[in-house]
Protein backbone atom coordinates (compact mmCIF):
# COMPACT_ATOMS: atom_id res chain seq x y z
CA GLU A 1 4.59 -8.08 -16.11
CA HIS A 2 4.67 -7.91 -12.62
CA THR A 3 4.98 -11.08 -10.53
CA SER A 4 5.07 -11.51 -6.87
CA LEU A 5 7.91 -13.09 -5.11
CA VAL A 6 5.54 -14.57 -2.75
CA SER A 7 3.91 -18.07 -3.32
CA SER A 8 0.38 -18.64 -2.86
CA ALA A 9 1.24 -20.50 0.11
CA ALA A 10 3.37 -18.27 1.60
CA ALA A 11 0.99 -15.36 1.04
CA TYR A 12 -1.57 -17.40 2.79
CA ALA A 13 0.57 -18.08 5.94
CA PHE A 14 1.79 -14.46 5.95
CA ALA A 15 -1.74 -13.09 5.67
CA SER A 16 -2.37 -15.27 8.87
CA TYR A 17 0.60 -13.92 10.73
CA VAL A 18 -0.43 -10.42 9.83
CA ARG A 19 -3.92 -11.18 10.86
CA HIS A 20 -2.87 -11.75 14.48
CA LEU A 21 -0.47 -9.01 14.50
CA LEU A 22 -3.12 -6.50 13.08
CA ALA A 23 -5.47 -7.75 15.95
CA LEU A 24 -2.81 -6.66 18.50
CA TYR A 25 -3.00 -2.79 17.20
CA TYR A 26 -6.67 -2.61 15.91
CA THR A 27 -9.50 -3.79 18.05
CA SER A 28 -11.97 -3.91 15.15
CA ILE A 29 -11.32 -4.32 11.60
CA SER A 30 -14.32 -3.79 9.38
CA ILE A 31 -14.53 -4.78 5.66
CA TYR A 32 -17.06 -3.34 3.51
CA GLY A 33 -18.04 -4.26 -0.08
CA LEU A 34 -16.38 -7.47 -0.18
CA SER A 35 -19.06 -8.89 -1.91
CA ASN A 36 -18.08 -6.40 -4.79
CA VAL A 37 -14.42 -7.78 -5.28
CA PRO A 38 -14.75 -9.94 -8.60
CA PRO A 39 -14.03 -13.67 -8.38
CA ARG A 40 -10.21 -14.97 -8.31
CA GLY A 41 -8.62 -14.45 -11.59
CA THR A 42 -10.32 -11.18 -12.82
CA PRO A 43 -7.91 -8.59 -12.58
CA THR A 44 -8.79 -6.09 -10.00
CA ILE A 45 -7.80 -2.76 -8.49
CA LEU A 46 -8.61 -2.32 -4.98
CA VAL A 47 -8.27 1.18 -3.36
CA SER A 48 -8.24 1.61 0.32
CA ASN A 49 -7.96 4.64 2.90
CA HIS A 50 -4.36 5.63 3.30
CA ARG A 51 -3.58 5.33 7.08
CA ASN A 52 0.27 4.70 6.98
CA LEU A 53 3.27 3.33 5.01
CA PHE A 54 2.51 -0.41 4.85
CA VAL A 55 -0.93 -0.97 6.62
CA ASP A 56 -2.98 -0.83 3.62
CA GLY A 57 -1.37 -3.67 1.75
CA LEU A 58 -1.16 -5.63 5.12
CA MET A 59 -4.74 -5.51 5.44
CA MET A 60 -5.89 -6.24 1.77
CA SER A 61 -3.16 -8.98 2.32
CA VAL A 62 -5.61 -10.67 4.91
CA VAL A 63 -8.48 -9.75 2.96
CA ALA A 64 -7.36 -11.41 -0.05
CA PRO A 65 -5.03 -14.12 0.85
CA HIS A 66 -5.94 -16.24 -2.23
CA ARG A 67 -5.15 -13.79 -4.88
CA GLN A 68 -1.79 -12.58 -6.16
CA VAL A 69 -2.02 -9.02 -5.39
CA ALA A 70 0.76 -6.33 -6.21
CA PHE A 71 0.49 -3.01 -4.39
CA LEU A 72 2.10 0.57 -5.18
CA VAL A 73 4.52 1.95 -2.64
CA ALA A 74 6.08 5.22 -2.73
CA GLU A 75 9.79 4.56 -4.04
CA VAL A 76 11.23 7.17 -1.10
CA SER A 77 9.93 4.66 1.53
CA LEU A 78 12.49 1.87 0.24
CA ARG A 79 15.17 4.04 1.49
CA PHE A 80 14.71 2.39 4.71
CA PRO A 81 16.63 -1.02 4.41
CA LEU A 82 13.40 -3.41 6.35
CA MET A 83 10.98 -1.54 4.22
CA ALA A 84 12.84 -2.27 0.90
CA LYS A 85 13.06 -5.93 1.83
CA LEU A 86 9.63 -6.33 2.88
CA ALA A 87 8.57 -4.56 0.01
CA LYS A 88 10.39 -6.61 -2.30
CA LEU A 89 9.32 -9.90 -0.45
CA LEU A 90 6.01 -9.03 -0.96
CA GLY A 91 6.08 -7.71 -4.71
CA TYR A 92 5.27 -4.12 -4.06
CA ILE A 93 5.59 -2.13 -7.24
CA PRO A 94 7.83 1.42 -6.61
CA VAL A 95 6.23 4.32 -7.53
CA LYS A 96 8.15 7.71 -8.00
CA ARG A 97 6.03 10.46 -6.70
CA SER A 98 6.34 14.27 -7.67
CA GLN A 99 6.43 15.32 -4.09
CA ASP A 100 9.48 13.50 -3.29
CA SER A 101 11.34 15.02 -5.78
CA ALA A 102 10.28 18.43 -5.44
CA THR A 103 12.74 21.17 -4.33
CA PRO A 104 12.27 24.68 -2.77
CA GLY A 105 12.19 27.51 -5.63
CA ASP A 106 13.90 31.01 -5.55
CA GLY A 107 10.19 32.58 -6.05
CA VAL A 108 8.41 34.97 -3.42
CA ILE A 109 5.08 34.55 -2.90
CA ALA A 110 3.48 38.01 -2.12
CA GLU A 111 0.09 38.55 -0.14
CA LEU A 112 -2.62 39.43 -2.80
CA ARG A 113 -4.95 42.56 -1.48
CA PRO A 114 -8.14 43.70 -3.32
CA LEU A 115 -7.81 46.75 -5.35
CA ALA A 116 -9.40 49.63 -3.56
């Protein structure tokens, strides 16, 4: 079982800080469908459009500061020490993606032409 290292009080304080920080970058944040999120205590999967590295998780932390939330993060992102510390602090779950371990092949791609 995964448990976040962040207590609910710390998560709420962090969400308040992030809310102000995000307001500097985003002039408007719209939340749609919040009424569709089940009550606290109900296991829930939230999905967002992906904008960049950690913004999705930060946004959801702001929206749901009183819930224990765990996020998936590309394992490759944890190569950056600051990102690794932030991910650990926030309880992010590293995921190894296939595209992060892909290597160039020896094959050749040929142009296909229709038979005449």
